[in-house]
Amino acid sequence: PMDNLNSNGVVVAPEARGRGETYCRGCNSVSLQSCLDLGNLPLANELWKTQNQRIDLFPLHLRVCLDCGLGQVGEFVSPERLFSDYRYLSSVSSSFTQHAKKFVDTLVETGKVRKGDWVLEIASNDGYLLQHFLPHKIEVLGIEPATNVSELAERIGVPTMNSFFTQALALELLNKFGSPKLIIANNVLAHVPDMNDFLQGISTLANDKTLISIENPSLINLLDANQFDTIYHEHYSYLTVTSVSRIASKLGLYLMDFEEIQTHGGSNRYWLSK
């Protein structure tokens, strides 16, 4: 139907119309500044299955919210198409696996997570991070929407639920397991079209003792270093300290601290709590 077309003539879900194009995905402001229009491009991780396969092209236009500082692109492709059969495996990068192990070791050494606690990772990929908790007798659960990737995690002994994380799923997890000691969401908040539902789910699942760690590339680095190749359809959003703090605070989560880290051309690790 015509009322499901966005400004570029692409059919989108009713709740996504204009989000990232005419109003901010995070704070709903209509003050979006055009930053870089890359035209129509194919999906970065969708590879041909047959020779001469038709290539679908979608608009890729980065805008920045002048009120909360969130960078964003429009929603032209569903998360199901982008992530249900995913080609990127975190463990392929030895440096990224080492980064994950160092993160876990530091948490254990400082006593932030102890034997008997349980840890949830959202978008846990192939178990590259959660596997490092297992020798410490810490219970883990991964949430991973890509079936092919979640199966790899299960093979190395990382319990994994094949699903997208939502507020509804958070309520199920809370009723079944209670609140975790740690929630990890690395390189996923940028991939979520409905950031408010995602963060509301984290807020629902967390209690006052839950630590929340979110890593994502920094929009500031993208702009300063002209990292235009990090703009693609999977990344619905491009985060800043200001945008994370403002969006989280309206959902009962508060930014306690952040760290600048070197992954993905320069990222931030945000520490939040209730």
C-alpha atoms as a PDB file:
ATOM      1  CA  PRO A   1       0.000   0.000   0.000  1.00  0.00           C
ATOM      2  CA  MET A   2       1.098   3.541  -0.757  1.00  0.00           C
ATOM      3  CA  ASP A   3       1.074   4.598   2.901  1.00  0.00           C
ATOM      4  CA  ASN A   4       3.827   2.034   3.578  1.00  0.00           C
ATOM      5  CA  LEU A   5       6.217   3.760   1.180  1.00  0.00           C
ATOM      6  CA  ASN A   6       8.943   5.960   2.597  1.00  0.00           C
ATOM      7  CA  SER A   7      10.305   9.084   0.893  1.00  0.00           C
ATOM      8  CA  ASN A   8      12.432   6.951  -1.444  1.00  0.00           C
ATOM      9  CA  GLY A   9       9.559   4.730  -2.555  1.00  0.00           C
ATOM     10  CA  VAL A  10      10.732   1.691  -0.553  1.00  0.00           C
ATOM     11  CA  VAL A  11       8.128  -0.379   1.304  1.00  0.00           C
ATOM     12  CA  VAL A  12       8.781  -0.292   5.065  1.00  0.00           C
ATOM     13  CA  ALA A  13       6.973  -1.396   8.213  1.00  0.00           C
ATOM     14  CA  PRO A  14       4.464   1.231   9.404  1.00  0.00           C
ATOM     15  CA  GLU A  15       6.344   1.832  12.680  1.00  0.00           C
ATOM     16  CA  ALA A  16       9.580   2.507  10.768  1.00  0.00           C
ATOM     17  CA  ARG A  17       8.313   5.109   8.296  1.00  0.00           C
ATOM     18  CA  GLY A  18      10.531   8.184   8.478  1.00  0.00           C
ATOM     19  CA  ARG A  19      12.623   6.878  11.384  1.00  0.00           C
ATOM     20  CA  GLY A  20      16.230   7.860  10.691  1.00  0.00           C
ATOM     21  CA  GLU A  21      15.079   9.987   7.737  1.00  0.00           C
ATOM     22  CA  THR A  22      12.683  12.652   9.000  1.00  0.00           C
ATOM     23  CA  TYR A  23      12.798  12.079  12.756  1.00  0.00           C
ATOM     24  CA  CYS A  24      15.390  10.760  15.210  1.00  0.00           C
ATOM     25  CA  ARG A  25      15.413   7.080  16.095  1.00  0.00           C
ATOM     26  CA  GLY A  26      16.509   7.914  19.621  1.00  0.00           C
ATOM     27  CA  CYS A  27      14.783  11.081  20.837  1.00  0.00           C
ATOM     28  CA  ASN A  28      12.098  11.583  18.119  1.00  0.00           C
ATOM     29  CA  SER A  29      13.413  15.050  17.231  1.00  0.00           C
ATOM     30  CA  VAL A  30      12.757  16.245  13.674  1.00  0.00           C
ATOM     31  CA  SER A  31      16.046  18.224  13.654  1.00  0.00           C
ATOM     32  CA  LEU A  32      18.087  15.872  11.466  1.00  0.00           C
ATOM     33  CA  GLN A  33      21.115  17.301   9.651  1.00  0.00           C
ATOM     34  CA  SER A  34      22.220  15.680   6.378  1.00  0.00           C
ATOM     35  CA  CYS A  35      25.822  14.541   6.802  1.00  0.00           C
ATOM     36  CA  LEU A  36      26.706  12.228   3.895  1.00  0.00           C
ATOM     37  CA  ASP A  37      24.477  10.864   1.126  1.00  0.00           C
ATOM     38  CA  LEU A  38      26.093   7.790  -0.446  1.00  0.00           C
ATOM     39  CA  GLY A  39      23.269   7.156  -2.906  1.00  0.00           C
ATOM     40  CA  ASN A  40      21.886   3.663  -3.548  1.00  0.00           C
ATOM     41  CA  LEU A  41      24.110   0.740  -2.566  1.00  0.00           C
ATOM     42  CA  PRO A  42      23.847  -3.057  -2.137  1.00  0.00           C
ATOM     43  CA  LEU A  43      23.896  -4.719   1.283  1.00  0.00           C
ATOM     44  CA  ALA A  44      27.460  -5.132   2.531  1.00  0.00           C
ATOM     45  CA  ASN A  45      27.204  -8.749   3.735  1.00  0.00           C
ATOM     46  CA  GLU A  46      24.668 -10.171   1.275  1.00  0.00           C
ATOM     47  CA  LEU A  47      26.685 -12.298  -1.136  1.00  0.00           C
ATOM     48  CA  TRP A  48      25.519 -13.853  -4.379  1.00  0.00           C
ATOM     49  CA  LYS A  49      24.171 -17.389  -4.114  1.00  0.00           C
ATOM     50  CA  THR A  50      23.930 -17.854  -7.893  1.00  0.00           C
ATOM     51  CA  GLN A  51      25.685 -16.319 -10.864  1.00  0.00           C
ATOM     52  CA  ASN A  52      23.934 -13.260 -12.363  1.00  0.00           C
ATOM     53  CA  GLN A  53      21.730 -12.878  -9.301  1.00  0.00           C
ATOM     54  CA  ARG A  54      19.809  -9.600  -9.159  1.00  0.00           C
ATOM     55  CA  ILE A  55      21.363  -7.068  -6.794  1.00  0.00           C
ATOM     56  CA  ASP A  56      18.977  -4.996  -4.695  1.00  0.00           C
ATOM     57  CA  LEU A  57      20.061  -1.413  -4.045  1.00  0.00           C
ATOM     58  CA  PHE A  58      18.909   0.691  -1.091  1.00  0.00           C
ATOM     59  CA  PRO A  59      19.456   4.362  -0.126  1.00  0.00           C
ATOM     60  CA  LEU A  60      22.311   5.027   2.314  1.00  0.00           C
ATOM     61  CA  HIS A  61      22.173   8.547   3.735  1.00  0.00           C
ATOM     62  CA  LEU A  62      23.773   9.464   7.070  1.00  0.00           C
ATOM     63  CA  ARG A  63      21.990  12.116   9.115  1.00  0.00           C
ATOM     64  CA  VAL A  64      22.849  13.444  12.582  1.00  0.00           C
ATOM     65  CA  CYS A  65      20.284  14.551  15.165  1.00  0.00           C
ATOM     66  CA  LEU A  66      21.021  18.113  16.239  1.00  0.00           C
ATOM     67  CA  ASP A  67      19.261  17.545  19.579  1.00  0.00           C
ATOM     68  CA  CYS A  68      20.791  14.306  20.924  1.00  0.00           C
ATOM     69  CA  GLY A  69      23.794  13.780  18.621  1.00  0.00           C
ATOM     70  CA  LEU A  70      22.746  10.381  17.256  1.00  0.00           C
ATOM     71  CA  GLY A  71      23.903   9.525  13.735  1.00  0.00           C
ATOM     72  CA  GLN A  72      21.468   7.389  11.745  1.00  0.00           C
ATOM     73  CA  VAL A  73      20.344   6.052   8.385  1.00  0.00           C
ATOM     74  CA  GLY A  74      16.832   5.187   7.214  1.00  0.00           C
ATOM     75  CA  GLU A  75      15.263   1.750   7.580  1.00  0.00           C
ATOM     76  CA  PHE A  76      15.045   0.205   4.131  1.00  0.00           C
ATOM     77  CA  VAL A  77      15.938  -3.376   5.011  1.00  0.00           C
ATOM     78  CA  SER A  78      14.381  -5.538   7.724  1.00  0.00           C
ATOM     79  CA  PRO A  79      16.581  -6.964  10.511  1.00  0.00           C
ATOM     80  CA  GLU A  80      15.415 -10.432   9.450  1.00  0.00           C
ATOM     81  CA  ARG A  81      16.974 -10.006   6.007  1.00  0.00           C
ATOM     82  CA  LEU A  82      20.159  -8.499   7.420  1.00  0.00           C
ATOM     83  CA  PHE A  83      20.839 -10.832  10.323  1.00  0.00           C
ATOM     84  CA  SER A  84      18.968 -14.140  10.046  1.00  0.00           C
ATOM     85  CA  ASP A  85      21.717 -15.648   7.886  1.00  0.00           C
ATOM     86  CA  TYR A  86      24.818 -13.706   8.899  1.00  0.00           C
ATOM     87  CA  ARG A  87      28.274 -13.985   7.354  1.00  0.00           C
ATOM     88  CA  TYR A  88      30.373 -12.112   9.938  1.00  0.00           C
ATOM     89  CA  LEU A  89      32.025 -14.255  12.623  1.00  0.00           C
ATOM     90  CA  SER A  90      33.649 -12.383  15.499  1.00  0.00           C
ATOM     91  CA  SER A  91      36.156 -15.144  16.283  1.00  0.00           C
ATOM     92  CA  VAL A  92      37.726 -14.875  12.814  1.00  0.00           C
ATOM     93  CA  SER A  93      39.587 -11.795  14.096  1.00  0.00           C
ATOM     94  CA  SER A  94      42.273 -12.934  16.534  1.00  0.00           C
ATOM     95  CA  SER A  95      42.741  -9.385  17.844  1.00  0.00           C
ATOM     96  CA  PHE A  96      39.008  -9.077  18.561  1.00  0.00           C
ATOM     97  CA  THR A  97      38.983 -12.426  20.381  1.00  0.00           C
ATOM     98  CA  GLN A  98      41.930 -11.226  22.489  1.00  0.00           C
ATOM     99  CA  HIS A  99      40.033  -8.004  23.188  1.00  0.00           C
ATOM    100  CA  ALA A 100      37.076 -10.067  24.440  1.00  0.00           C
ATOM    101  CA  LYS A 101      39.252 -12.289  26.642  1.00  0.00           C
ATOM    102  CA  LYS A 102      40.967  -9.271  28.213  1.00  0.00           C
ATOM    103  CA  PHE A 103      37.532  -7.790  28.967  1.00  0.00           C
ATOM    104  CA  VAL A 104      36.383 -10.975  30.723  1.00  0.00           C
ATOM    105  CA  ASP A 105      39.658 -11.435  32.616  1.00  0.00           C
ATOM    106  CA  THR A 106      39.497  -7.870  33.934  1.00  0.00           C
ATOM    107  CA  LEU A 107      35.913  -8.332  35.150  1.00  0.00           C
ATOM    108  CA  VAL A 108      36.832 -11.530  36.984  1.00  0.00           C
ATOM    109  CA  GLU A 109      40.088 -10.161  38.444  1.00  0.00           C
ATOM    110  CA  THR A 110      38.335  -7.070  39.818  1.00  0.00           C
ATOM    111  CA  GLY A 111      35.485  -9.120  41.295  1.00  0.00           C
ATOM    112  CA  LYS A 112      32.778  -7.447  39.235  1.00  0.00           C
ATOM    113  CA  VAL A 113      31.594 -10.894  38.124  1.00  0.00           C
ATOM    114  CA  ARG A 114      32.077 -13.963  40.321  1.00  0.00           C
ATOM    115  CA  LYS A 115      31.441 -17.688  40.405  1.00  0.00           C
ATOM    116  CA  GLY A 116      27.703 -18.277  40.685  1.00  0.00           C
ATOM    117  CA  ASP A 117      26.721 -15.094  38.813  1.00  0.00           C
ATOM    118  CA  TRP A 118      25.115 -15.263  35.407  1.00  0.00           C
ATOM    119  CA  VAL A 119      25.957 -13.150  32.369  1.00  0.00           C
ATOM    120  CA  LEU A 120      23.805 -12.325  29.348  1.00  0.00           C
ATOM    121  CA  GLU A 121      25.288 -11.239  26.018  1.00  0.00           C
ATOM    122  CA  ILE A 122      22.990  -9.781  23.376  1.00  0.00           C
ATOM    123  CA  ALA A 123      24.151 -10.512  19.814  1.00  0.00           C
ATOM    124  CA  SER A 124      26.651 -13.037  21.122  1.00  0.00           C
ATOM    125  CA  ASN A 125      27.698 -14.136  17.630  1.00  0.00           C
ATOM    126  CA  ASP A 126      29.706 -17.395  17.657  1.00  0.00           C
ATOM    127  CA  GLY A 127      30.457 -17.365  21.397  1.00  0.00           C
ATOM    128  CA  TYR A 128      33.746 -15.476  20.926  1.00  0.00           C
ATOM    129  CA  LEU A 129      33.301 -13.637  24.270  1.00  0.00           C
ATOM    130  CA  LEU A 130      31.073 -15.762  26.496  1.00  0.00           C
ATOM    131  CA  GLN A 131      33.374 -18.770  26.124  1.00  0.00           C
ATOM    132  CA  HIS A 132      35.928 -16.999  28.338  1.00  0.00           C
ATOM    133  CA  PHE A 133      33.533 -16.969  31.332  1.00  0.00           C
ATOM    134  CA  LEU A 134      33.085 -20.757  31.310  1.00  0.00           C
ATOM    135  CA  PRO A 135      36.432 -21.682  32.959  1.00  0.00           C
ATOM    136  CA  HIS A 136      35.478 -19.390  35.872  1.00  0.00           C
ATOM    137  CA  LYS A 137      32.236 -21.348  36.542  1.00  0.00           C
ATOM    138  CA  ILE A 138      30.121 -18.342  35.598  1.00  0.00           C
ATOM    139  CA  GLU A 139      26.782 -19.126  33.949  1.00  0.00           C
ATOM    140  CA  VAL A 140      26.239 -17.532  30.545  1.00  0.00           C
ATOM    141  CA  LEU A 141      23.492 -17.131  27.973  1.00  0.00           C
ATOM    142  CA  GLY A 142      23.846 -15.683  24.505  1.00  0.00           C
ATOM    143  CA  ILE A 143      21.083 -14.131  22.404  1.00  0.00           C
ATOM    144  CA  GLU A 144      21.878 -14.442  18.697  1.00  0.00           C
ATOM    145  CA  PRO A 145      19.381 -14.001  15.816  1.00  0.00           C
ATOM    146  CA  ALA A 146      21.485 -15.683  13.108  1.00  0.00           C
ATOM    147  CA  THR A 147      20.734 -19.402  13.097  1.00  0.00           C
ATOM    148  CA  ASN A 148      23.980 -20.390  11.384  1.00  0.00           C
ATOM    149  CA  VAL A 149      26.043 -18.392  13.896  1.00  0.00           C
ATOM    150  CA  SER A 150      24.180 -19.474  17.046  1.00  0.00           C
ATOM    151  CA  GLU A 151      24.807 -23.100  16.083  1.00  0.00           C
ATOM    152  CA  LEU A 152      28.551 -22.423  16.079  1.00  0.00           C
ATOM    153  CA  ALA A 153      28.327 -21.018  19.603  1.00  0.00           C
ATOM    154  CA  GLU A 154      26.440 -24.074  20.833  1.00  0.00           C
ATOM    155  CA  ARG A 155      29.166 -26.326  19.407  1.00  0.00           C
ATOM    156  CA  ILE A 156      31.775 -24.754  21.692  1.00  0.00           C
ATOM    157  CA  GLY A 157      29.545 -25.068  24.756  1.00  0.00           C
ATOM    158  CA  VAL A 158      28.014 -21.589  24.906  1.00  0.00           C
ATOM    159  CA  PRO A 159      24.234 -21.798  25.596  1.00  0.00           C
ATOM    160  CA  THR A 160      22.589 -19.627  22.962  1.00  0.00           C
ATOM    161  CA  MET A 161      19.008 -18.574  22.265  1.00  0.00           C
ATOM    162  CA  ASN A 162      18.316 -18.041  18.571  1.00  0.00           C
ATOM    163  CA  SER A 163      16.250 -14.846  18.702  1.00  0.00           C
ATOM    164  CA  PHE A 164      16.220 -11.058  18.456  1.00  0.00           C
ATOM    165  CA  PHE A 165      16.379  -9.256  21.808  1.00  0.00           C
ATOM    166  CA  THR A 166      13.230  -7.253  22.565  1.00  0.00           C
ATOM    167  CA  GLN A 167      11.288  -5.975  25.552  1.00  0.00           C
ATOM    168  CA  ALA A 168       9.013  -9.021  25.258  1.00  0.00           C
ATOM    169  CA  LEU A 169      11.975 -11.422  25.358  1.00  0.00           C
ATOM    170  CA  ALA A 170      13.450  -9.528  28.333  1.00  0.00           C
ATOM    171  CA  LEU A 171      10.278 -10.241  30.320  1.00  0.00           C
ATOM    172  CA  GLU A 172      10.543 -13.958  29.465  1.00  0.00           C
ATOM    173  CA  LEU A 173      14.188 -14.062  30.573  1.00  0.00           C
ATOM    174  CA  LEU A 174      13.431 -12.197  33.788  1.00  0.00           C
ATOM    175  CA  ASN A 175      10.643 -14.610  34.711  1.00  0.00           C
ATOM    176  CA  LYS A 176      12.811 -17.638  33.943  1.00  0.00           C
ATOM    177  CA  PHE A 177      16.263 -16.631  35.204  1.00  0.00           C
ATOM    178  CA  GLY A 178      15.962 -13.405  37.185  1.00  0.00           C
ATOM    179  CA  SER A 179      18.276 -10.427  36.624  1.00  0.00           C
ATOM    180  CA  PRO A 180      21.850 -11.123  35.444  1.00  0.00           C
ATOM    181  CA  LYS A 181      24.906  -9.656  37.131  1.00  0.00           C
ATOM    182  CA  LEU A 182      26.163  -8.407  33.772  1.00  0.00           C
ATOM    183  CA  ILE A 183      24.509  -7.590  30.450  1.00  0.00           C
ATOM    184  CA  ILE A 184      26.851  -7.210  27.467  1.00  0.00           C
ATOM    185  CA  ALA A 185      25.736  -5.610  24.207  1.00  0.00           C
ATOM    186  CA  ASN A 186      28.811  -5.203  22.021  1.00  0.00           C
ATOM    187  CA  ASN A 187      28.409  -3.839  18.507  1.00  0.00           C
ATOM    188  CA  VAL A 188      24.665  -4.413  18.500  1.00  0.00           C
ATOM    189  CA  LEU A 189      22.950  -1.184  19.601  1.00  0.00           C
ATOM    190  CA  ALA A 190      23.938   0.340  16.258  1.00  0.00           C
ATOM    191  CA  HIS A 191      22.206  -2.579  14.496  1.00  0.00           C
ATOM    192  CA  VAL A 192      18.851  -2.124  16.255  1.00  0.00           C
ATOM    193  CA  PRO A 193      16.106  -0.209  14.401  1.00  0.00           C
ATOM    194  CA  ASP A 194      13.997   0.328  17.544  1.00  0.00           C
ATOM    195  CA  MET A 195      16.574   1.508  20.091  1.00  0.00           C
ATOM    196  CA  ASN A 196      13.923   2.431  22.639  1.00  0.00           C
ATOM    197  CA  ASP A 197      12.424  -1.069  22.742  1.00  0.00           C
ATOM    198  CA  PHE A 198      15.914  -2.604  22.945  1.00  0.00           C
ATOM    199  CA  LEU A 199      17.052  -0.400  25.848  1.00  0.00           C
ATOM    200  CA  GLN A 200      13.679  -0.751  27.572  1.00  0.00           C
ATOM    201  CA  GLY A 201      14.254  -4.503  27.452  1.00  0.00           C
ATOM    202  CA  ILE A 202      17.658  -4.100  29.099  1.00  0.00           C
ATOM    203  CA  SER A 203      16.140  -1.801  31.732  1.00  0.00           C
ATOM    204  CA  THR A 204      13.407  -4.368  32.434  1.00  0.00           C
ATOM    205  CA  LEU A 205      15.879  -7.233  32.799  1.00  0.00           C
ATOM    206  CA  ALA A 206      18.374  -5.353  34.976  1.00  0.00           C
ATOM    207  CA  ASN A 207      18.130  -4.778  38.712  1.00  0.00           C
ATOM    208  CA  ASP A 208      20.078  -2.307  40.852  1.00  0.00           C
ATOM    209  CA  LYS A 209      23.116  -4.636  40.970  1.00  0.00           C
ATOM    210  CA  THR A 210      23.275  -5.331  37.216  1.00  0.00           C
ATOM    211  CA  LEU A 211      26.184  -3.885  35.253  1.00  0.00           C
ATOM    212  CA  ILE A 212      25.538  -3.067  31.586  1.00  0.00           C
ATOM    213  CA  SER A 213      28.394  -2.818  29.084  1.00  0.00           C
ATOM    214  CA  ILE A 214      27.764  -1.517  25.565  1.00  0.00           C
ATOM    215  CA  GLU A 215      30.510  -1.145  22.948  1.00  0.00           C
ATOM    216  CA  ASN A 216      30.092   0.582  19.606  1.00  0.00           C
ATOM    217  CA  PRO A 217      32.158   2.583  17.113  1.00  0.00           C
ATOM    218  CA  SER A 218      32.186   6.309  17.825  1.00  0.00           C
ATOM    219  CA  LEU A 219      30.485   8.761  15.478  1.00  0.00           C
ATOM    220  CA  ILE A 220      33.173  11.302  16.402  1.00  0.00           C
ATOM    221  CA  ASN A 221      35.891   9.022  14.998  1.00  0.00           C
ATOM    222  CA  LEU A 222      33.836   8.436  11.865  1.00  0.00           C
ATOM    223  CA  LEU A 223      33.579  12.184  11.241  1.00  0.00           C
ATOM    224  CA  ASP A 224      37.138  13.111  12.286  1.00  0.00           C
ATOM    225  CA  ALA A 225      38.831  10.330  10.301  1.00  0.00           C
ATOM    226  CA  ASN A 226      36.440  10.218   7.322  1.00  0.00           C
ATOM    227  CA  GLN A 227      35.576   6.572   8.062  1.00  0.00           C
ATOM    228  CA  PHE A 228      32.779   6.594   5.466  1.00  0.00           C
ATOM    229  CA  ASP A 229      33.261   2.862   4.825  1.00  0.00           C
ATOM    230  CA  THR A 230      31.765   2.153   8.263  1.00  0.00           C
ATOM    231  CA  ILE A 231      28.417   3.532   7.074  1.00  0.00           C
ATOM    232  CA  TYR A 232      26.225   0.710   5.807  1.00  0.00           C
ATOM    233  CA  HIS A 233      22.656  -0.512   6.049  1.00  0.00           C
ATOM    234  CA  GLU A 234      23.285  -2.864   8.997  1.00  0.00           C
ATOM    235  CA  HIS A 235      24.357   0.127  11.076  1.00  0.00           C
ATOM    236  CA  TYR A 236      21.066   1.911  11.590  1.00  0.00           C
ATOM    237  CA  SER A 237      22.702   4.198  14.199  1.00  0.00           C
ATOM    238  CA  TYR A 238      26.087   5.849  14.951  1.00  0.00           C
ATOM    239  CA  LEU A 239      26.561   6.459  18.650  1.00  0.00           C
ATOM    240  CA  THR A 240      27.941   9.244  20.807  1.00  0.00           C
ATOM    241  CA  VAL A 241      28.226   9.631  24.577  1.00  0.00           C
ATOM    242  CA  THR A 242      25.515  12.303  24.523  1.00  0.00           C
ATOM    243  CA  SER A 243      23.043  10.249  22.508  1.00  0.00           C
ATOM    244  CA  VAL A 244      23.496   7.076  24.584  1.00  0.00           C
ATOM    245  CA  SER A 245      23.141   9.001  27.839  1.00  0.00           C
ATOM    246  CA  ARG A 246      19.987  10.850  26.758  1.00  0.00           C
ATOM    247  CA  ILE A 247      18.198   7.885  25.218  1.00  0.00           C
ATOM    248  CA  ALA A 248      19.043   5.552  28.110  1.00  0.00           C
ATOM    249  CA  SER A 249      18.094   8.014  30.847  1.00  0.00           C
ATOM    250  CA  LYS A 250      14.479   8.292  29.712  1.00  0.00           C
ATOM    251  CA  LEU A 251      14.205   4.494  30.076  1.00  0.00           C
ATOM    252  CA  GLY A 252      15.585   4.311  33.611  1.00  0.00           C
ATOM    253  CA  LEU A 253      19.209   3.591  32.690  1.00  0.00           C
ATOM    254  CA  TYR A 254      22.062   5.917  33.579  1.00  0.00           C
ATOM    255  CA  LEU A 255      25.490   6.320  32.039  1.00  0.00           C
ATOM    256  CA  MET A 256      28.035   5.850  34.846  1.00  0.00           C
ATOM    257  CA  ASP A 257      31.228   5.909  32.801  1.00  0.00           C
ATOM    258  CA  PHE A 258      32.693   5.367  29.362  1.00  0.00           C
ATOM    259  CA  GLU A 259      36.025   4.222  28.001  1.00  0.00           C
ATOM    260  CA  GLU A 260      37.658   4.964  24.664  1.00  0.00           C
ATOM    261  CA  ILE A 261      38.865   1.712  23.085  1.00  0.00           C
ATOM    262  CA  GLN A 262      40.683   0.918  19.851  1.00  0.00           C
ATOM    263  CA  THR A 263      38.375  -1.637  18.207  1.00  0.00           C
ATOM    264  CA  HIS A 264      36.670  -0.941  14.868  1.00  0.00           C
ATOM    265  CA  GLY A 265      38.654   2.205  14.133  1.00  0.00           C
ATOM    266  CA  GLY A 266      37.877   3.757  17.526  1.00  0.00           C
ATOM    267  CA  SER A 267      34.958   2.795  19.763  1.00  0.00           C
ATOM    268  CA  ASN A 268      33.395   3.705  23.091  1.00  0.00           C
ATOM    269  CA  ARG A 269      32.510   1.299  25.884  1.00  0.00           C
ATOM    270  CA  TYR A 270      29.518   2.659  27.796  1.00  0.00           C
ATOM    271  CA  TRP A 271      28.849   1.504  31.375  1.00  0.00           C
ATOM    272  CA  LEU A 272      25.221   1.853  32.408  1.00  0.00           C
ATOM    273  CA  SER A 273      23.143   0.815  35.409  1.00  0.00           C
ATOM    274  CA  LYS A 274      19.683   1.270  36.907  1.00  0.00           C
END
